[in-house]
Amino acid sequence: MDLKFCVTCTADDVTAATAPDLDELIRRTLAGLDAPHTVVIDLHELEVFAVTGARTLVTIHERCRTRGIDCHLVAPPDHPAHRVLSRLDLSPDPRIVDSVSHNPPDLS
């Protein structure tokens, strides 16, 4: 059975000071997961998204990808995280959606 795990960033920012906490939260979430699972990281409450935040999300995306776990990021197009991540040259690109309810990941 494919389960969805949603992690919401409730902090106002992902910076050098807060990125390790997000990374540890995702590490704990992924600890017992194998494919096929989907992790959804909701970023819409973030107000500040620093370079360290982008690096952290790239690392999380890679960690999921190597384990065969889908990783979806939730951020509207005008959101700082969406603007930064969509400009990075990532292969494959992380899936960035406007909202889970608007563009839900395919969990079938």
N, C-alpha and C. Protein backbone atom coordinates (compact mmCIF):
# COMPACT_ATOMS: atom_id res chain seq x y z
N MET A 1 0.84 -1.18 0.00
CA MET A 1 0.00 0.00 0.00
C MET A 1 0.88 1.24 0.00
N ASP A 2 0.58 2.18 -0.86
CA ASP A 2 1.31 3.43 -0.96
C ASP A 2 0.72 4.42 0.02
N LEU A 3 1.52 4.90 0.94
CA LEU A 3 1.07 5.86 1.93
C LEU A 3 1.68 7.21 1.65
N LYS A 4 0.96 8.26 2.00
CA LYS A 4 1.47 9.61 1.84
C LYS A 4 1.84 10.14 3.22
N PHE A 5 3.01 10.72 3.33
CA PHE A 5 3.45 11.36 4.56
C PHE A 5 3.61 12.84 4.25
N CYS A 6 2.92 13.68 5.00
CA CYS A 6 2.98 15.11 4.77
C CYS A 6 3.74 15.77 5.91
N VAL A 7 4.74 16.55 5.55
CA VAL A 7 5.51 17.31 6.52
C VAL A 7 5.26 18.78 6.23
N THR A 8 4.74 19.52 7.20
CA THR A 8 4.47 20.94 7.02
C THR A 8 5.55 21.75 7.73
N CYS A 9 6.13 22.68 7.00
CA CYS A 9 7.12 23.59 7.59
C CYS A 9 6.35 24.69 8.32
N THR A 10 6.37 24.64 9.64
CA THR A 10 5.62 25.63 10.41
C THR A 10 6.47 26.82 10.80
N ALA A 11 7.77 26.72 10.60
CA ALA A 11 8.65 27.86 10.89
C ALA A 11 8.42 28.93 9.83
N ASP A 12 8.81 30.15 10.15
CA ASP A 12 8.68 31.24 9.18
C ASP A 12 9.78 31.21 8.13
N ASP A 13 10.85 30.47 8.42
CA ASP A 13 11.98 30.48 7.50
C ASP A 13 12.71 29.13 7.49
N VAL A 14 13.43 28.90 6.41
CA VAL A 14 14.39 27.80 6.35
C VAL A 14 15.71 28.45 6.01
N THR A 15 16.52 28.61 7.04
CA THR A 15 17.82 29.28 6.92
C THR A 15 18.87 28.35 7.52
N ALA A 16 20.09 28.84 7.61
CA ALA A 16 21.17 28.05 8.20
C ALA A 16 20.84 27.62 9.62
N ALA A 17 20.08 28.44 10.34
CA ALA A 17 19.73 28.13 11.73
C ALA A 17 18.65 27.06 11.83
N THR A 18 17.70 27.03 10.88
CA THR A 18 16.55 26.12 10.99
C THR A 18 16.61 24.91 10.06
N ALA A 19 17.44 24.96 9.02
CA ALA A 19 17.51 23.86 8.06
C ALA A 19 17.88 22.52 8.70
N PRO A 20 18.79 22.47 9.67
CA PRO A 20 19.09 21.17 10.30
C PRO A 20 17.88 20.53 10.97
N ASP A 21 16.98 21.34 11.53
CA ASP A 21 15.76 20.79 12.14
C ASP A 21 14.86 20.16 11.09
N LEU A 22 14.69 20.82 9.95
CA LEU A 22 13.89 20.27 8.86
C LEU A 22 14.53 18.98 8.34
N ASP A 23 15.84 19.01 8.16
CA ASP A 23 16.54 17.82 7.68
C ASP A 23 16.35 16.65 8.64
N GLU A 24 16.44 16.89 9.94
CA GLU A 24 16.27 15.83 10.94
C GLU A 24 14.83 15.30 10.95
N LEU A 25 13.87 16.19 10.80
CA LEU A 25 12.47 15.76 10.73
C LEU A 25 12.24 14.84 9.54
N ILE A 26 12.78 15.21 8.39
CA ILE A 26 12.63 14.37 7.20
C ILE A 26 13.39 13.06 7.38
N ARG A 27 14.57 13.12 7.95
CA ARG A 27 15.35 11.90 8.21
C ARG A 27 14.55 10.90 9.04
N ARG A 28 13.91 11.41 10.10
CA ARG A 28 13.08 10.54 10.96
C ARG A 28 11.87 10.01 10.20
N THR A 29 11.27 10.85 9.36
CA THR A 29 10.11 10.44 8.58
C THR A 29 10.49 9.33 7.61
N LEU A 30 11.66 9.46 6.97
CA LEU A 30 12.09 8.48 5.98
C LEU A 30 12.69 7.22 6.58
N ALA A 31 13.01 7.24 7.86
CA ALA A 31 13.75 6.14 8.49
C ALA A 31 13.14 4.77 8.22
N GLY A 32 11.84 4.65 8.30
CA GLY A 32 11.22 3.35 8.11
C GLY A 32 10.52 3.18 6.78
N LEU A 33 10.71 4.10 5.86
CA LEU A 33 10.00 4.05 4.58
C LEU A 33 10.86 3.46 3.47
N ASP A 34 10.21 2.70 2.64
CA ASP A 34 10.80 2.23 1.39
C ASP A 34 9.80 2.54 0.29
N ALA A 35 10.21 2.33 -0.94
CA ALA A 35 9.30 2.53 -2.06
C ALA A 35 8.18 1.49 -1.95
N PRO A 36 6.99 1.73 -2.39
CA PRO A 36 6.52 3.00 -2.92
C PRO A 36 5.81 3.82 -1.85
N HIS A 37 6.33 4.93 -1.54
CA HIS A 37 5.72 5.90 -0.65
C HIS A 37 5.86 7.28 -1.28
N THR A 38 5.08 8.20 -0.78
CA THR A 38 5.17 9.59 -1.23
C THR A 38 5.30 10.48 -0.01
N VAL A 39 6.29 11.36 -0.04
CA VAL A 39 6.47 12.35 1.01
C VAL A 39 6.09 13.70 0.42
N VAL A 40 5.21 14.41 1.10
CA VAL A 40 4.77 15.73 0.66
C VAL A 40 5.28 16.74 1.69
N ILE A 41 6.05 17.72 1.23
CA ILE A 41 6.58 18.75 2.11
C ILE A 41 5.88 20.06 1.78
N ASP A 42 5.08 20.52 2.72
CA ASP A 42 4.28 21.73 2.52
C ASP A 42 5.09 22.95 2.96
N LEU A 43 5.41 23.81 2.01
CA LEU A 43 6.25 24.98 2.26
C LEU A 43 5.47 26.29 2.27
N HIS A 44 4.17 26.24 2.11
CA HIS A 44 3.41 27.47 1.88
C HIS A 44 3.46 28.46 3.04
N GLU A 45 3.78 28.01 4.26
CA GLU A 45 3.84 28.94 5.39
C GLU A 45 5.19 29.64 5.53
N LEU A 46 6.17 29.21 4.76
CA LEU A 46 7.48 29.85 4.84
C LEU A 46 7.43 31.27 4.30
N GLU A 47 8.14 32.15 4.96
CA GLU A 47 8.25 33.52 4.48
C GLU A 47 9.66 33.80 3.96
N VAL A 48 10.65 33.16 4.55
CA VAL A 48 12.04 33.34 4.15
C VAL A 48 12.59 31.98 3.74
N PHE A 49 13.19 31.94 2.56
CA PHE A 49 13.76 30.70 2.05
C PHE A 49 15.17 31.00 1.58
N ALA A 50 16.13 30.71 2.44
CA ALA A 50 17.53 31.04 2.15
C ALA A 50 18.19 29.92 1.34
N VAL A 51 19.42 30.18 0.90
CA VAL A 51 20.18 29.20 0.12
C VAL A 51 20.31 27.88 0.86
N THR A 52 20.53 27.95 2.16
CA THR A 52 20.64 26.73 2.95
C THR A 52 19.35 25.92 2.89
N GLY A 53 18.21 26.59 2.85
CA GLY A 53 16.93 25.90 2.71
C GLY A 53 16.84 25.17 1.39
N ALA A 54 17.30 25.81 0.32
CA ALA A 54 17.30 25.17 -0.99
C ALA A 54 18.22 23.94 -0.97
N ARG A 55 19.41 24.09 -0.41
CA ARG A 55 20.33 22.95 -0.33
C ARG A 55 19.72 21.80 0.46
N THR A 56 19.06 22.13 1.56
CA THR A 56 18.43 21.11 2.39
C THR A 56 17.35 20.37 1.61
N LEU A 57 16.50 21.09 0.89
CA LEU A 57 15.44 20.44 0.12
C LEU A 57 16.00 19.63 -1.04
N VAL A 58 17.08 20.08 -1.65
CA VAL A 58 17.73 19.29 -2.71
C VAL A 58 18.26 17.99 -2.12
N THR A 59 18.88 18.07 -0.95
CA THR A 59 19.38 16.87 -0.28
C THR A 59 18.24 15.91 0.06
N ILE A 60 17.15 16.45 0.58
CA ILE A 60 15.98 15.63 0.90
C ILE A 60 15.43 14.98 -0.35
N HIS A 61 15.32 15.74 -1.44
CA HIS A 61 14.83 15.22 -2.70
C HIS A 61 15.71 14.07 -3.19
N GLU A 62 17.02 14.26 -3.12
CA GLU A 62 17.96 13.21 -3.54
C GLU A 62 17.84 11.97 -2.64
N ARG A 63 17.72 12.19 -1.35
CA ARG A 63 17.59 11.08 -0.40
C ARG A 63 16.34 10.26 -0.72
N CYS A 64 15.24 10.94 -0.99
CA CYS A 64 14.01 10.23 -1.37
C CYS A 64 14.20 9.48 -2.68
N ARG A 65 14.76 10.16 -3.68
CA ARG A 65 14.92 9.56 -5.00
C ARG A 65 15.75 8.29 -4.95
N THR A 66 16.85 8.31 -4.19
CA THR A 66 17.70 7.11 -4.13
C THR A 66 17.01 5.95 -3.44
N ARG A 67 15.99 6.24 -2.63
CA ARG A 67 15.24 5.18 -1.95
C ARG A 67 13.97 4.80 -2.69
N GLY A 68 13.71 5.45 -3.84
CA GLY A 68 12.52 5.15 -4.62
C GLY A 68 11.25 5.74 -4.04
N ILE A 69 11.40 6.79 -3.24
CA ILE A 69 10.27 7.46 -2.60
C ILE A 69 10.00 8.76 -3.36
N ASP A 70 8.74 8.97 -3.75
CA ASP A 70 8.37 10.21 -4.42
C ASP A 70 8.39 11.35 -3.41
N CYS A 71 8.90 12.49 -3.83
CA CYS A 71 8.94 13.67 -2.98
C CYS A 71 8.27 14.81 -3.72
N HIS A 72 7.24 15.37 -3.13
CA HIS A 72 6.50 16.49 -3.72
C HIS A 72 6.59 17.68 -2.77
N LEU A 73 6.85 18.83 -3.34
CA LEU A 73 6.93 20.07 -2.56
C LEU A 73 5.70 20.91 -2.87
N VAL A 74 5.10 21.48 -1.84
CA VAL A 74 3.91 22.31 -2.02
C VAL A 74 4.29 23.76 -1.80
N ALA A 75 4.20 24.54 -2.89
CA ALA A 75 4.48 25.98 -2.83
C ALA A 75 3.86 26.63 -4.06
N PRO A 76 3.06 27.68 -3.88
CA PRO A 76 2.48 28.35 -5.03
C PRO A 76 3.55 29.01 -5.88
N PRO A 77 3.28 29.28 -7.15
CA PRO A 77 4.28 29.83 -8.06
C PRO A 77 4.93 31.13 -7.59
N ASP A 78 4.22 31.95 -6.82
CA ASP A 78 4.78 33.22 -6.35
C ASP A 78 5.55 33.07 -5.03
N HIS A 79 5.68 31.86 -4.55
CA HIS A 79 6.35 31.59 -3.28
C HIS A 79 7.87 31.60 -3.48
N PRO A 80 8.64 32.13 -2.52
CA PRO A 80 10.10 32.16 -2.66
C PRO A 80 10.71 30.78 -2.91
N ALA A 81 10.23 29.76 -2.23
CA ALA A 81 10.78 28.41 -2.42
C ALA A 81 10.53 27.92 -3.84
N HIS A 82 9.36 28.18 -4.37
CA HIS A 82 9.03 27.76 -5.74
C HIS A 82 9.94 28.46 -6.74
N ARG A 83 10.12 29.77 -6.56
CA ARG A 83 10.96 30.53 -7.49
C ARG A 83 12.40 30.03 -7.47
N VAL A 84 12.94 29.77 -6.29
CA VAL A 84 14.34 29.31 -6.18
C VAL A 84 14.49 27.90 -6.73
N LEU A 85 13.65 26.99 -6.29
CA LEU A 85 13.80 25.58 -6.68
C LEU A 85 13.54 25.36 -8.17
N SER A 86 12.64 26.13 -8.75
CA SER A 86 12.35 25.95 -10.18
C SER A 86 13.50 26.45 -11.06
N ARG A 87 14.41 27.24 -10.50
CA ARG A 87 15.55 27.74 -11.27
C ARG A 87 16.79 26.85 -11.15
N LEU A 88 16.76 25.92 -10.21
CA LEU A 88 17.91 25.05 -10.03
C LEU A 88 17.94 23.98 -11.11
N ASP A 89 19.12 23.56 -11.49
CA ASP A 89 19.28 22.53 -12.50
C ASP A 89 19.35 21.17 -11.81
N LEU A 90 18.17 20.64 -11.48
CA LEU A 90 18.09 19.35 -10.79
C LEU A 90 17.59 18.29 -11.76
N SER A 91 18.15 17.13 -11.63
CA SER A 91 17.72 16.04 -12.50
C SER A 91 17.51 14.80 -11.66
N PRO A 92 16.31 14.29 -11.59
CA PRO A 92 15.08 14.90 -12.10
C PRO A 92 14.62 16.02 -11.17
N ASP A 93 13.82 16.91 -11.72
CA ASP A 93 13.29 18.02 -10.94
C ASP A 93 12.36 17.51 -9.85
N PRO A 94 12.41 18.14 -8.68
CA PRO A 94 11.39 17.80 -7.68
C PRO A 94 10.04 18.30 -8.17
N ARG A 95 8.99 17.59 -7.85
CA ARG A 95 7.66 18.02 -8.25
C ARG A 95 7.19 19.10 -7.29
N ILE A 96 6.94 20.29 -7.83
CA ILE A 96 6.45 21.41 -7.03
C ILE A 96 5.01 21.67 -7.46
N VAL A 97 4.09 21.57 -6.51
CA VAL A 97 2.67 21.77 -6.80
C VAL A 97 2.15 22.97 -6.02
N ASP A 98 1.05 23.56 -6.53
CA ASP A 98 0.45 24.73 -5.88
C ASP A 98 -0.12 24.39 -4.51
N SER A 99 -0.81 23.28 -4.43
CA SER A 99 -1.40 22.81 -3.18
C SER A 99 -1.68 21.33 -3.31
N VAL A 100 -1.73 20.66 -2.21
CA VAL A 100 -2.03 19.23 -2.26
C VAL A 100 -3.44 19.01 -2.78
N SER A 101 -4.37 19.86 -2.38
CA SER A 101 -5.75 19.69 -2.83
C SER A 101 -5.93 20.07 -4.30
N HIS A 102 -5.12 21.02 -4.79
CA HIS A 102 -5.24 21.47 -6.18
C HIS A 102 -4.56 20.50 -7.13
N ASN A 103 -3.38 20.04 -6.81
CA ASN A 103 -2.62 19.12 -7.64
C ASN A 103 -2.14 17.93 -6.81
N PRO A 104 -3.03 17.07 -6.37
CA PRO A 104 -2.59 15.99 -5.50
C PRO A 104 -1.68 15.03 -6.24
N PRO A 105 -0.65 14.50 -5.55
CA PRO A 105 0.19 13.51 -6.18
C PRO A 105 -0.61 12.26 -6.46
N ASP A 106 -0.25 11.56 -7.53
CA ASP A 106 -0.91 10.30 -7.87
C ASP A 106 -0.46 9.24 -6.89
N LEU A 107 -1.35 8.79 -6.05
CA LEU A 107 -1.00 7.81 -5.02
C LEU A 107 -1.54 6.43 -5.35
N SER A 108 -1.92 6.20 -6.61
CA SER A 108 -2.44 4.88 -6.96
C SER A 108 -1.32 3.89 -7.23
